[in-house]
Amino acid sequence: MVECLATEHNEIYRGLPGLEVPVGEALVSLSNMWDAPASSEGSRAPSEFRASRMNFILHFGFEASTEESEELFQSVISFSRRYPCRIIALCPSRDKNATGQGIVCKIFSECYIGEGQGDMSCCEAIIFGYTLKEKQYLEDQISIFLESDLPTYYWPYRFDSPENLSDYQSFFKNVNRVVIDTASETYQPHMLDITEPEKVYDLAFARTLSVRQSIGQFFSVFSAEDIVEGLKRIEIVTSADHEAEMVALSSWIQRVLGDCGNCVDKTKPAESVSCSLSIDPQSVPTLRFSYGNGSSAECMLDFKSGVAHLRANIDGDDHAMNAAIHLLNPDDALAESLFFC
């Protein structure tokens, strides 16, 4: 009856796969799943393929739908095939008035057979359902289920406000990195009230890896001094579909230009360059660099065709280039955010 009360309004928890077990027996039950004996044909036991490299906390907010949650969970499972981890999924009741009588959980494990002989990877997840009544105990309870001495990463998804997400200070303090996806959220990372904002990485930024590489390669033919000399503003036009990626790209470009300016004249900080972004449903994402000395540059990022068209005339030097681009898929974007950004 207690578990029925706790899960009655928790659609996200009910929608995720797994075997429901008492919270106090979760680790033992998970261990028993891995300790299944080898088959009579001599194949190795699943426990031999289990080697977690990290803890991954996936925390759903009230704005996450059941469909989104199931898709995101499967995306993290897919990620764990390449980077084995213990996944902790936290599922609050979408009914903010629900009053359960304890945290409930279920366990999930999967082994993925690769293409090569003996190529197998295994992952595991512990999925928790809770209501606001249990929120104050959640962080202490979850710490018990993390594998010690391994890095821990935190992905909060679709919280209704940065203030509500900022309440989970323990998660922010005790993890190695935090990832968010500004394409799915209503806030920007700087709006979070946390002591170490440098821990937060945006998946929208990670997805632009090939774009950043192409832009960097293109502008490398010019000197840093010529790139920043006379630059007045950057205008960005994009469709709403790629707004988050272009906002992230805009911030990166301004940081790079600031570094260029400081390299040119180390005695003073680089002058700020104004940057504007406008939405045009019919527009291919485009960046235009406007100068006060006759120079110009433009980067058209056609994600649909997978081609970037870049051209510039800087200090009288003409240069044009086409480059293959794409937005990273969810697995690769997550790896880029956690390990490489």
C-alpha atoms as a PDB file:
ATOM      1  CA  MET A   1       0.000   0.000   0.000  1.00  0.00           C
ATOM      2  CA  VAL A   2       2.862   2.376   0.819  1.00  0.00           C
ATOM      3  CA  GLU A   3       4.470   1.938  -2.603  1.00  0.00           C
ATOM      4  CA  CYS A   4       1.091   2.388  -4.309  1.00  0.00           C
ATOM      5  CA  LEU A   5       0.713   5.743  -2.560  1.00  0.00           C
ATOM      6  CA  ALA A   6       4.201   6.796  -3.578  1.00  0.00           C
ATOM      7  CA  THR A   7       3.864   5.841  -7.238  1.00  0.00           C
ATOM      8  CA  GLU A   8       0.201   6.596  -7.832  1.00  0.00           C
ATOM      9  CA  HIS A   9       0.911   9.961  -9.476  1.00  0.00           C
ATOM     10  CA  ASN A  10       4.480   9.258 -10.647  1.00  0.00           C
ATOM     11  CA  GLU A  11       4.098   8.595 -14.366  1.00  0.00           C
ATOM     12  CA  ILE A  12       7.805   8.997 -15.099  1.00  0.00           C
ATOM     13  CA  TYR A  13       8.813   6.370 -12.543  1.00  0.00           C
ATOM     14  CA  ARG A  14       6.200   3.928 -13.800  1.00  0.00           C
ATOM     15  CA  GLY A  15       7.219   4.466 -17.421  1.00  0.00           C
ATOM     16  CA  LEU A  16      10.894   3.517 -16.981  1.00  0.00           C
ATOM     17  CA  PRO A  17      11.952  -0.140 -17.188  1.00  0.00           C
ATOM     18  CA  GLY A  18      13.099  -2.152 -14.212  1.00  0.00           C
ATOM     19  CA  LEU A  19      12.252  -4.602 -11.457  1.00  0.00           C
ATOM     20  CA  GLU A  20      10.707  -2.997  -8.387  1.00  0.00           C
ATOM     21  CA  VAL A  21      12.469  -3.836  -5.122  1.00  0.00           C
ATOM     22  CA  PRO A  22      12.508  -2.427  -1.575  1.00  0.00           C
ATOM     23  CA  VAL A  23      14.943   0.481  -1.324  1.00  0.00           C
ATOM     24  CA  GLY A  24      16.929  -1.224   1.409  1.00  0.00           C
ATOM     25  CA  GLU A  25      17.493  -4.278  -0.782  1.00  0.00           C
ATOM     26  CA  ALA A  26      18.337  -2.484  -4.035  1.00  0.00           C
ATOM     27  CA  LEU A  27      22.108  -2.987  -3.965  1.00  0.00           C
ATOM     28  CA  VAL A  28      21.853  -6.625  -2.932  1.00  0.00           C
ATOM     29  CA  SER A  29      19.239  -7.294  -5.617  1.00  0.00           C
ATOM     30  CA  LEU A  30      21.386  -5.564  -8.236  1.00  0.00           C
ATOM     31  CA  SER A  31      24.401  -7.619  -7.229  1.00  0.00           C
ATOM     32  CA  ASN A  32      22.345 -10.814  -7.501  1.00  0.00           C
ATOM     33  CA  MET A  33      21.371  -9.879 -11.049  1.00  0.00           C
ATOM     34  CA  TRP A  34      25.043  -9.742 -12.044  1.00  0.00           C
ATOM     35  CA  ASP A  35      25.968 -12.929 -10.231  1.00  0.00           C
ATOM     36  CA  ALA A  36      23.970 -15.134 -12.564  1.00  0.00           C
ATOM     37  CA  PRO A  37      26.033 -18.270 -13.320  1.00  0.00           C
ATOM     38  CA  ALA A  38      27.729 -18.835 -16.652  1.00  0.00           C
ATOM     39  CA  SER A  39      25.786 -20.933 -19.151  1.00  0.00           C
ATOM     40  CA  SER A  40      26.489 -24.602 -19.767  1.00  0.00           C
ATOM     41  CA  GLU A  41      27.992 -23.684 -23.137  1.00  0.00           C
ATOM     42  CA  GLY A  42      30.848 -22.001 -21.302  1.00  0.00           C
ATOM     43  CA  SER A  43      29.885 -18.363 -21.866  1.00  0.00           C
ATOM     44  CA  ARG A  44      31.074 -16.017 -19.151  1.00  0.00           C
ATOM     45  CA  ALA A  45      28.851 -14.649 -16.407  1.00  0.00           C
ATOM     46  CA  PRO A  46      27.491 -11.091 -16.843  1.00  0.00           C
ATOM     47  CA  SER A  47      29.475  -9.898 -13.805  1.00  0.00           C
ATOM     48  CA  GLU A  48      32.698 -10.357 -15.794  1.00  0.00           C
ATOM     49  CA  PHE A  49      31.590  -7.621 -18.206  1.00  0.00           C
ATOM     50  CA  ARG A  50      30.475  -5.152 -15.543  1.00  0.00           C
ATOM     51  CA  ALA A  51      33.125  -2.481 -14.982  1.00  0.00           C
ATOM     52  CA  SER A  52      31.640   0.906 -14.140  1.00  0.00           C
ATOM     53  CA  ARG A  53      33.799   3.934 -14.815  1.00  0.00           C
ATOM     54  CA  MET A  54      31.509   6.527 -13.281  1.00  0.00           C
ATOM     55  CA  ASN A  55      28.230   7.363 -11.576  1.00  0.00           C
ATOM     56  CA  PHE A  56      25.639   9.176 -13.654  1.00  0.00           C
ATOM     57  CA  ILE A  57      22.683  10.901 -11.952  1.00  0.00           C
ATOM     58  CA  LEU A  58      19.792  11.613 -14.304  1.00  0.00           C
ATOM     59  CA  HIS A  59      17.318  13.894 -12.511  1.00  0.00           C
ATOM     60  CA  PHE A  60      13.944  14.585 -14.122  1.00  0.00           C
ATOM     61  CA  GLY A  61      12.089  17.799 -13.359  1.00  0.00           C
ATOM     62  CA  PHE A  62       8.362  18.427 -13.171  1.00  0.00           C
ATOM     63  CA  GLU A  63       8.284  19.676 -16.776  1.00  0.00           C
ATOM     64  CA  ALA A  64       9.586  16.400 -18.226  1.00  0.00           C
ATOM     65  CA  SER A  65       6.940  14.332 -19.987  1.00  0.00           C
ATOM     66  CA  THR A  66       6.748  10.564 -19.735  1.00  0.00           C
ATOM     67  CA  GLU A  67       7.784  10.232 -23.399  1.00  0.00           C
ATOM     68  CA  GLU A  68      10.766  12.564 -22.977  1.00  0.00           C
ATOM     69  CA  SER A  69      11.880  10.723 -19.860  1.00  0.00           C
ATOM     70  CA  GLU A  70      11.777   7.328 -21.540  1.00  0.00           C
ATOM     71  CA  GLU A  71      13.706   8.655 -24.549  1.00  0.00           C
ATOM     72  CA  LEU A  72      16.317  10.352 -22.368  1.00  0.00           C
ATOM     73  CA  PHE A  73      16.764   7.261 -20.212  1.00  0.00           C
ATOM     74  CA  GLN A  74      17.391   5.143 -23.311  1.00  0.00           C
ATOM     75  CA  SER A  75      19.865   7.731 -24.566  1.00  0.00           C
ATOM     76  CA  VAL A  76      21.877   7.469 -21.334  1.00  0.00           C
ATOM     77  CA  ILE A  77      21.696   3.661 -21.518  1.00  0.00           C
ATOM     78  CA  SER A  78      23.103   3.894 -25.058  1.00  0.00           C
ATOM     79  CA  PHE A  79      25.865   6.200 -23.780  1.00  0.00           C
ATOM     80  CA  SER A  80      26.713   3.673 -21.052  1.00  0.00           C
ATOM     81  CA  ARG A  81      27.405   0.997 -23.661  1.00  0.00           C
ATOM     82  CA  ARG A  82      30.531   2.951 -24.572  1.00  0.00           C
ATOM     83  CA  TYR A  83      31.218   4.396 -21.116  1.00  0.00           C
ATOM     84  CA  PRO A  84      29.996   1.869 -18.526  1.00  0.00           C
ATOM     85  CA  CYS A  85      28.417   3.552 -15.539  1.00  0.00           C
ATOM     86  CA  ARG A  86      25.968   3.160 -12.715  1.00  0.00           C
ATOM     87  CA  ILE A  87      22.943   5.248 -13.600  1.00  0.00           C
ATOM     88  CA  ILE A  88      20.853   6.788 -10.842  1.00  0.00           C
ATOM     89  CA  ALA A  89      17.520   8.023 -12.243  1.00  0.00           C
ATOM     90  CA  LEU A  90      15.475  10.353 -10.003  1.00  0.00           C
ATOM     91  CA  CYS A  91      11.776  10.648 -10.830  1.00  0.00           C
ATOM     92  CA  PRO A  92       9.678  13.157  -8.889  1.00  0.00           C
ATOM     93  CA  SER A  93       5.919  12.909  -8.936  1.00  0.00           C
ATOM     94  CA  ARG A  94       4.511  15.294 -11.525  1.00  0.00           C
ATOM     95  CA  ASP A  95       1.655  15.934  -9.101  1.00  0.00           C
ATOM     96  CA  LYS A  96       3.258  18.479  -6.763  1.00  0.00           C
ATOM     97  CA  ASN A  97       0.575  17.775  -4.185  1.00  0.00           C
ATOM     98  CA  ALA A  98       1.238  14.032  -4.063  1.00  0.00           C
ATOM     99  CA  THR A  99       2.244  12.817  -0.600  1.00  0.00           C
ATOM    100  CA  GLY A 100       3.973   9.457  -0.653  1.00  0.00           C
ATOM    101  CA  GLN A 101       5.295   7.620   2.383  1.00  0.00           C
ATOM    102  CA  GLY A 102       8.850   6.877   1.341  1.00  0.00           C
ATOM    103  CA  ILE A 103      11.181   6.680  -1.617  1.00  0.00           C
ATOM    104  CA  VAL A 104      10.555   3.733  -3.937  1.00  0.00           C
ATOM    105  CA  CYS A 105      12.940   2.165  -6.410  1.00  0.00           C
ATOM    106  CA  LYS A 106      13.484  -0.409  -9.097  1.00  0.00           C
ATOM    107  CA  ILE A 107      16.617  -1.832 -10.658  1.00  0.00           C
ATOM    108  CA  PHE A 108      17.571  -2.330 -14.283  1.00  0.00           C
ATOM    109  CA  SER A 109      20.535  -3.998 -15.984  1.00  0.00           C
ATOM    110  CA  GLU A 110      21.485  -4.634 -19.577  1.00  0.00           C
ATOM    111  CA  CYS A 111      24.337  -6.283 -21.436  1.00  0.00           C
ATOM    112  CA  TYR A 112      25.103  -5.119 -24.959  1.00  0.00           C
ATOM    113  CA  ILE A 113      26.801  -7.479 -27.383  1.00  0.00           C
ATOM    114  CA  GLY A 114      29.079  -5.686 -29.833  1.00  0.00           C
ATOM    115  CA  GLU A 115      30.252  -6.692 -33.274  1.00  0.00           C
ATOM    116  CA  GLY A 116      33.491  -8.372 -32.254  1.00  0.00           C
ATOM    117  CA  GLN A 117      33.828 -11.780 -30.636  1.00  0.00           C
ATOM    118  CA  GLY A 118      33.548 -11.427 -26.876  1.00  0.00           C
ATOM    119  CA  ASP A 119      32.748  -7.745 -27.242  1.00  0.00           C
ATOM    120  CA  MET A 120      30.196  -7.008 -24.542  1.00  0.00           C
ATOM    121  CA  SER A 121      29.456  -4.131 -22.213  1.00  0.00           C
ATOM    122  CA  CYS A 122      27.050  -4.056 -19.313  1.00  0.00           C
ATOM    123  CA  CYS A 123      25.313  -1.201 -17.536  1.00  0.00           C
ATOM    124  CA  GLU A 124      23.012  -0.858 -14.568  1.00  0.00           C
ATOM    125  CA  ALA A 125      20.478   1.628 -13.281  1.00  0.00           C
ATOM    126  CA  ILE A 126      18.708   2.261 -10.016  1.00  0.00           C
ATOM    127  CA  ILE A 127      15.519   4.235 -10.559  1.00  0.00           C
ATOM    128  CA  PHE A 128      13.965   6.163  -7.670  1.00  0.00           C
ATOM    129  CA  GLY A 129      10.495   7.607  -7.370  1.00  0.00           C
ATOM    130  CA  TYR A 130       9.801  10.304  -4.798  1.00  0.00           C
ATOM    131  CA  THR A 131       7.403  13.100  -3.880  1.00  0.00           C
ATOM    132  CA  LEU A 132       8.135  16.525  -2.426  1.00  0.00           C
ATOM    133  CA  LYS A 133       7.703  15.109   1.063  1.00  0.00           C
ATOM    134  CA  GLU A 134      10.829  12.991   0.558  1.00  0.00           C
ATOM    135  CA  LYS A 135      12.861  15.708  -1.205  1.00  0.00           C
ATOM    136  CA  GLN A 136      14.696  16.718   1.962  1.00  0.00           C
ATOM    137  CA  TYR A 137      16.025  13.153   2.377  1.00  0.00           C
ATOM    138  CA  LEU A 138      16.755  12.482  -1.271  1.00  0.00           C
ATOM    139  CA  GLU A 139      20.374  13.611  -1.534  1.00  0.00           C
ATOM    140  CA  ASP A 140      21.500  11.726   1.593  1.00  0.00           C
ATOM    141  CA  GLN A 141      19.687   8.591   0.454  1.00  0.00           C
ATOM    142  CA  ILE A 142      21.166   8.677  -3.039  1.00  0.00           C
ATOM    143  CA  SER A 143      24.744   9.005  -1.760  1.00  0.00           C
ATOM    144  CA  ILE A 144      24.470   5.457  -0.417  1.00  0.00           C
ATOM    145  CA  PHE A 145      23.931   4.067  -3.901  1.00  0.00           C
ATOM    146  CA  LEU A 146      26.851   5.791  -5.634  1.00  0.00           C
ATOM    147  CA  GLU A 147      29.915   3.697  -6.352  1.00  0.00           C
ATOM    148  CA  SER A 148      32.701   5.095  -4.215  1.00  0.00           C
ATOM    149  CA  ASP A 149      35.958   6.429  -5.665  1.00  0.00           C
ATOM    150  CA  LEU A 150      34.401   6.947  -9.100  1.00  0.00           C
ATOM    151  CA  PRO A 151      33.621  10.337 -10.688  1.00  0.00           C
ATOM    152  CA  THR A 152      29.987  11.397 -10.558  1.00  0.00           C
ATOM    153  CA  TYR A 153      28.112  13.380 -13.197  1.00  0.00           C
ATOM    154  CA  TYR A 154      24.723  15.055 -12.878  1.00  0.00           C
ATOM    155  CA  TRP A 155      22.161  15.799 -15.585  1.00  0.00           C
ATOM    156  CA  PRO A 156      19.066  17.683 -14.381  1.00  0.00           C
ATOM    157  CA  TYR A 157      16.407  17.781 -17.068  1.00  0.00           C
ATOM    158  CA  ARG A 158      13.378  20.038 -17.533  1.00  0.00           C
ATOM    159  CA  PHE A 159      13.114  21.727 -14.153  1.00  0.00           C
ATOM    160  CA  ASP A 160      10.417  24.375 -14.040  1.00  0.00           C
ATOM    161  CA  SER A 161      12.755  27.114 -12.772  1.00  0.00           C
ATOM    162  CA  PRO A 162      16.459  27.679 -12.067  1.00  0.00           C
ATOM    163  CA  GLU A 163      15.515  28.449  -8.445  1.00  0.00           C
ATOM    164  CA  ASN A 164      13.995  24.999  -7.900  1.00  0.00           C
ATOM    165  CA  LEU A 165      16.987  23.314  -9.486  1.00  0.00           C
ATOM    166  CA  SER A 166      19.385  25.419  -7.398  1.00  0.00           C
ATOM    167  CA  ASP A 167      17.824  23.889  -4.265  1.00  0.00           C
ATOM    168  CA  TYR A 168      19.759  20.669  -4.944  1.00  0.00           C
ATOM    169  CA  GLN A 169      23.045  22.151  -3.760  1.00  0.00           C
ATOM    170  CA  SER A 170      24.476  18.832  -2.586  1.00  0.00           C
ATOM    171  CA  PHE A 171      24.345  17.396  -6.090  1.00  0.00           C
ATOM    172  CA  PHE A 172      26.109  20.461  -7.492  1.00  0.00           C
ATOM    173  CA  LYS A 173      28.792  20.406  -4.803  1.00  0.00           C
ATOM    174  CA  ASN A 174      29.560  16.694  -4.810  1.00  0.00           C
ATOM    175  CA  VAL A 175      29.705  15.916  -8.531  1.00  0.00           C
ATOM    176  CA  ASN A 176      32.522  16.354 -11.024  1.00  0.00           C
ATOM    177  CA  ARG A 177      30.400  17.920 -13.747  1.00  0.00           C
ATOM    178  CA  VAL A 178      26.856  19.047 -14.420  1.00  0.00           C
ATOM    179  CA  VAL A 179      25.339  18.885 -17.903  1.00  0.00           C
ATOM    180  CA  ILE A 180      22.217  20.671 -19.056  1.00  0.00           C
ATOM    181  CA  ASP A 181      20.647  21.075 -22.467  1.00  0.00           C
ATOM    182  CA  THR A 182      19.576  24.667 -23.028  1.00  0.00           C
ATOM    183  CA  ALA A 183      17.566  23.524 -26.055  1.00  0.00           C
ATOM    184  CA  SER A 184      15.180  21.864 -23.596  1.00  0.00           C
ATOM    185  CA  GLU A 185      15.345  24.303 -20.674  1.00  0.00           C
ATOM    186  CA  THR A 186      13.786  27.699 -19.999  1.00  0.00           C
ATOM    187  CA  TYR A 187      16.920  29.117 -18.367  1.00  0.00           C
ATOM    188  CA  GLN A 188      20.582  29.729 -19.156  1.00  0.00           C
ATOM    189  CA  PRO A 189      23.390  28.197 -17.052  1.00  0.00           C
ATOM    190  CA  HIS A 190      24.371  31.561 -15.540  1.00  0.00           C
ATOM    191  CA  MET A 191      20.927  31.788 -13.890  1.00  0.00           C
ATOM    192  CA  LEU A 192      21.715  28.896 -11.535  1.00  0.00           C
ATOM    193  CA  ASP A 193      22.679  29.870  -7.999  1.00  0.00           C
ATOM    194  CA  ILE A 194      25.626  27.540  -7.408  1.00  0.00           C
ATOM    195  CA  THR A 195      29.075  28.035  -5.916  1.00  0.00           C
ATOM    196  CA  GLU A 196      31.004  26.458  -8.800  1.00  0.00           C
ATOM    197  CA  PRO A 197      29.344  27.547 -12.064  1.00  0.00           C
ATOM    198  CA  GLU A 198      32.387  26.340 -13.986  1.00  0.00           C
ATOM    199  CA  LYS A 199      31.155  22.783 -13.418  1.00  0.00           C
ATOM    200  CA  VAL A 200      28.149  23.334 -15.698  1.00  0.00           C
ATOM    201  CA  TYR A 201      28.411  22.329 -19.369  1.00  0.00           C
ATOM    202  CA  ASP A 202      25.802  22.849 -22.075  1.00  0.00           C
ATOM    203  CA  LEU A 203      24.934  20.008 -24.441  1.00  0.00           C
ATOM    204  CA  ALA A 204      23.842  22.562 -27.039  1.00  0.00           C
ATOM    205  CA  PHE A 205      27.438  23.822 -27.089  1.00  0.00           C
ATOM    206  CA  ALA A 206      28.826  20.284 -27.263  1.00  0.00           C
ATOM    207  CA  ARG A 207      26.675  19.510 -30.298  1.00  0.00           C
ATOM    208  CA  THR A 208      28.436  22.277 -32.279  1.00  0.00           C
ATOM    209  CA  LEU A 209      31.853  20.586 -32.186  1.00  0.00           C
ATOM    210  CA  SER A 210      32.219  20.209 -35.963  1.00  0.00           C
ATOM    211  CA  VAL A 211      31.045  23.810 -36.476  1.00  0.00           C
ATOM    212  CA  ARG A 212      33.642  25.155 -34.062  1.00  0.00           C
ATOM    213  CA  GLN A 213      36.342  23.100 -35.727  1.00  0.00           C
ATOM    214  CA  SER A 214      35.366  24.404 -39.174  1.00  0.00           C
ATOM    215  CA  ILE A 215      35.198  28.046 -38.064  1.00  0.00           C
ATOM    216  CA  GLY A 216      38.538  27.718 -36.287  1.00  0.00           C
ATOM    217  CA  GLN A 217      40.160  26.173 -39.354  1.00  0.00           C
ATOM    218  CA  PHE A 218      38.701  28.856 -41.613  1.00  0.00           C
ATOM    219  CA  PHE A 219      39.876  31.847 -39.576  1.00  0.00           C
ATOM    220  CA  SER A 220      43.308  30.319 -38.898  1.00  0.00           C
ATOM    221  CA  VAL A 221      44.559  31.693 -42.229  1.00  0.00           C
ATOM    222  CA  PHE A 222      44.280  35.230 -40.801  1.00  0.00           C
ATOM    223  CA  SER A 223      46.353  36.712 -38.012  1.00  0.00           C
ATOM    224  CA  ALA A 224      44.701  37.327 -34.662  1.00  0.00           C
ATOM    225  CA  GLU A 225      45.428  41.036 -35.046  1.00  0.00           C
ATOM    226  CA  ASP A 226      43.628  41.252 -38.411  1.00  0.00           C
ATOM    227  CA  ILE A 227      40.638  39.252 -37.111  1.00  0.00           C
ATOM    228  CA  VAL A 228      39.914  41.631 -34.223  1.00  0.00           C
ATOM    229  CA  GLU A 229      41.059  44.890 -35.825  1.00  0.00           C
ATOM    230  CA  GLY A 230      38.017  47.044 -36.554  1.00  0.00           C
ATOM    231  CA  LEU A 231      35.478  44.352 -35.619  1.00  0.00           C
ATOM    232  CA  LYS A 232      32.306  46.063 -34.407  1.00  0.00           C
ATOM    233  CA  ARG A 233      29.552  43.502 -34.119  1.00  0.00           C
ATOM    234  CA  ILE A 234      28.392  39.979 -34.860  1.00  0.00           C
ATOM    235  CA  GLU A 235      24.895  39.408 -36.177  1.00  0.00           C
ATOM    236  CA  ILE A 236      23.348  35.958 -35.896  1.00  0.00           C
ATOM    237  CA  VAL A 237      20.197  34.905 -37.709  1.00  0.00           C
ATOM    238  CA  THR A 238      18.747  31.451 -37.119  1.00  0.00           C
ATOM    239  CA  SER A 239      15.574  29.423 -37.104  1.00  0.00           C
ATOM    240  CA  ALA A 240      14.121  28.528 -33.707  1.00  0.00           C
ATOM    241  CA  ASP A 241      15.188  24.900 -34.210  1.00  0.00           C
ATOM    242  CA  HIS A 242      18.836  25.827 -33.721  1.00  0.00           C
ATOM    243  CA  GLU A 243      18.511  28.805 -31.380  1.00  0.00           C
ATOM    244  CA  ALA A 244      20.174  27.079 -28.409  1.00  0.00           C
ATOM    245  CA  GLU A 245      23.152  25.942 -30.484  1.00  0.00           C
ATOM    246  CA  MET A 246      23.622  29.411 -31.982  1.00  0.00           C
ATOM    247  CA  VAL A 247      23.422  31.115 -28.571  1.00  0.00           C
ATOM    248  CA  ALA A 248      26.101  28.732 -27.307  1.00  0.00           C
ATOM    249  CA  LEU A 249      28.183  29.307 -30.439  1.00  0.00           C
ATOM    250  CA  SER A 250      27.849  33.065 -30.008  1.00  0.00           C
ATOM    251  CA  SER A 251      29.257  32.897 -26.465  1.00  0.00           C
ATOM    252  CA  TRP A 252      32.150  30.766 -27.653  1.00  0.00           C
ATOM    253  CA  ILE A 253      33.008  33.165 -30.501  1.00  0.00           C
ATOM    254  CA  GLN A 254      33.030  36.126 -28.145  1.00  0.00           C
ATOM    255  CA  ARG A 255      35.379  34.274 -25.753  1.00  0.00           C
ATOM    256  CA  VAL A 256      37.709  33.372 -28.626  1.00  0.00           C
ATOM    257  CA  LEU A 257      37.708  36.940 -29.932  1.00  0.00           C
ATOM    258  CA  GLY A 258      38.469  38.177 -26.428  1.00  0.00           C
ATOM    259  CA  ASP A 259      41.456  35.839 -26.264  1.00  0.00           C
ATOM    260  CA  CYS A 260      42.615  37.071 -29.674  1.00  0.00           C
ATOM    261  CA  GLY A 261      42.340  40.677 -28.548  1.00  0.00           C
ATOM    262  CA  ASN A 262      44.269  40.039 -25.364  1.00  0.00           C
ATOM    263  CA  CYS A 263      47.012  38.249 -27.315  1.00  0.00           C
ATOM    264  CA  VAL A 264      47.363  41.238 -29.636  1.00  0.00           C
ATOM    265  CA  ASP A 265      47.570  43.795 -26.811  1.00  0.00           C
ATOM    266  CA  LYS A 266      48.304  42.267 -23.414  1.00  0.00           C
ATOM    267  CA  THR A 267      48.377  45.658 -21.715  1.00  0.00           C
ATOM    268  CA  LYS A 268      44.581  46.080 -21.848  1.00  0.00           C
ATOM    269  CA  PRO A 269      41.549  43.795 -22.026  1.00  0.00           C
ATOM    270  CA  ALA A 270      40.009  43.118 -25.395  1.00  0.00           C
ATOM    271  CA  GLU A 271      37.229  45.513 -26.361  1.00  0.00           C
ATOM    272  CA  SER A 272      33.805  43.931 -26.246  1.00  0.00           C
ATOM    273  CA  VAL A 273      32.075  43.212 -29.532  1.00  0.00           C
ATOM    274  CA  SER A 274      28.311  43.609 -29.637  1.00  0.00           C
ATOM    275  CA  CYS A 275      26.416  40.499 -30.621  1.00  0.00           C
ATOM    276  CA  SER A 276      22.771  40.204 -31.643  1.00  0.00           C
ATOM    277  CA  LEU A 277      20.601  37.192 -32.390  1.00  0.00           C
ATOM    278  CA  SER A 278      17.333  37.214 -34.311  1.00  0.00           C
ATOM    279  CA  ILE A 279      14.912  34.434 -35.233  1.00  0.00           C
ATOM    280  CA  ASP A 280      13.842  33.876 -38.832  1.00  0.00           C
ATOM    281  CA  PRO A 281      11.876  30.655 -39.435  1.00  0.00           C
ATOM    282  CA  GLN A 282      13.142  30.479 -43.024  1.00  0.00           C
ATOM    283  CA  SER A 283      16.773  31.291 -42.331  1.00  0.00           C
ATOM    284  CA  VAL A 284      19.777  29.022 -42.533  1.00  0.00           C
ATOM    285  CA  PRO A 285      21.800  29.723 -39.344  1.00  0.00           C
ATOM    286  CA  THR A 286      24.210  32.514 -40.306  1.00  0.00           C
ATOM    287  CA  LEU A 287      26.882  34.548 -38.534  1.00  0.00           C
ATOM    288  CA  ARG A 288      27.905  37.896 -40.005  1.00  0.00           C
ATOM    289  CA  PHE A 289      30.975  39.762 -38.780  1.00  0.00           C
ATOM    290  CA  SER A 290      30.787  43.530 -39.379  1.00  0.00           C
ATOM    291  CA  TYR A 291      33.923  45.678 -39.351  1.00  0.00           C
ATOM    292  CA  GLY A 292      34.513  49.395 -39.373  1.00  0.00           C
ATOM    293  CA  ASN A 293      37.486  49.162 -41.717  1.00  0.00           C
ATOM    294  CA  GLY A 294      35.906  47.493 -44.762  1.00  0.00           C
ATOM    295  CA  SER A 295      36.602  43.898 -43.695  1.00  0.00           C
ATOM    296  CA  SER A 296      33.755  41.383 -43.544  1.00  0.00           C
ATOM    297  CA  ALA A 297      33.078  37.713 -42.840  1.00  0.00           C
ATOM    298  CA  GLU A 298      30.076  35.399 -43.052  1.00  0.00           C
ATOM    299  CA  CYS A 299      29.468  31.807 -41.957  1.00  0.00           C
ATOM    300  CA  MET A 300      26.348  30.048 -43.271  1.00  0.00           C
ATOM    301  CA  LEU A 301      25.692  26.813 -41.394  1.00  0.00           C
ATOM    302  CA  ASP A 302      23.346  24.622 -43.384  1.00  0.00           C
ATOM    303  CA  PHE A 303      22.723  21.736 -41.007  1.00  0.00           C
ATOM    304  CA  LYS A 304      20.101  20.258 -43.307  1.00  0.00           C
ATOM    305  CA  SER A 305      22.575  19.702 -46.127  1.00  0.00           C
ATOM    306  CA  GLY A 306      25.503  19.198 -43.759  1.00  0.00           C
ATOM    307  CA  VAL A 307      27.631  21.924 -45.356  1.00  0.00           C
ATOM    308  CA  ALA A 308      29.033  25.178 -43.979  1.00  0.00           C
ATOM    309  CA  HIS A 309      29.752  28.000 -46.429  1.00  0.00           C
ATOM    310  CA  LEU A 310      32.374  30.367 -45.043  1.00  0.00           C
ATOM    311  CA  ARG A 311      33.818  33.447 -46.718  1.00  0.00           C
ATOM    312  CA  ALA A 312      35.734  36.510 -45.571  1.00  0.00           C
ATOM    313  CA  ASN A 313      37.610  39.552 -46.778  1.00  0.00           C
ATOM    314  CA  ILE A 314      39.866  40.651 -43.952  1.00  0.00           C
ATOM    315  CA  ASP A 315      42.488  43.336 -44.461  1.00  0.00           C
ATOM    316  CA  GLY A 316      42.108  42.878 -48.240  1.00  0.00           C
ATOM    317  CA  ASP A 317      42.706  39.126 -48.109  1.00  0.00           C
ATOM    318  CA  ASP A 318      39.869  37.058 -49.626  1.00  0.00           C
ATOM    319  CA  HIS A 319      39.244  33.554 -48.369  1.00  0.00           C
ATOM    320  CA  ALA A 320      36.370  31.089 -48.900  1.00  0.00           C
ATOM    321  CA  MET A 321      35.796  27.516 -47.781  1.00  0.00           C
ATOM    322  CA  ASN A 322      33.084  24.880 -47.693  1.00  0.00           C
ATOM    323  CA  ALA A 323      33.170  22.351 -44.867  1.00  0.00           C
ATOM    324  CA  ALA A 324      31.146  19.325 -43.779  1.00  0.00           C
ATOM    325  CA  ILE A 325      29.290  19.958 -40.514  1.00  0.00           C
ATOM    326  CA  HIS A 326      26.790  18.143 -38.334  1.00  0.00           C
ATOM    327  CA  LEU A 327      25.354  18.376 -34.854  1.00  0.00           C
ATOM    328  CA  LEU A 328      26.604  15.597 -32.596  1.00  0.00           C
ATOM    329  CA  ASN A 329      24.130  12.849 -31.781  1.00  0.00           C
ATOM    330  CA  PRO A 330      23.021  12.576 -28.110  1.00  0.00           C
ATOM    331  CA  ASP A 331      25.621   9.945 -27.141  1.00  0.00           C
ATOM    332  CA  ASP A 332      28.546  11.840 -28.647  1.00  0.00           C
ATOM    333  CA  ALA A 333      27.341  15.197 -27.310  1.00  0.00           C
ATOM    334  CA  LEU A 334      27.130  13.760 -23.807  1.00  0.00           C
ATOM    335  CA  ALA A 335      30.662  12.351 -24.063  1.00  0.00           C
ATOM    336  CA  GLU A 336      31.922  15.687 -25.408  1.00  0.00           C
ATOM    337  CA  SER A 337      30.361  17.554 -22.467  1.00  0.00           C
ATOM    338  CA  LEU A 338      31.638  15.174 -19.805  1.00  0.00           C
ATOM    339  CA  PHE A 339      35.152  14.458 -21.001  1.00  0.00           C
ATOM    340  CA  PHE A 340      36.368  16.877 -23.644  1.00  0.00           C
ATOM    341  CA  CYS A 341      34.836  20.370 -23.376  1.00  0.00           C
END
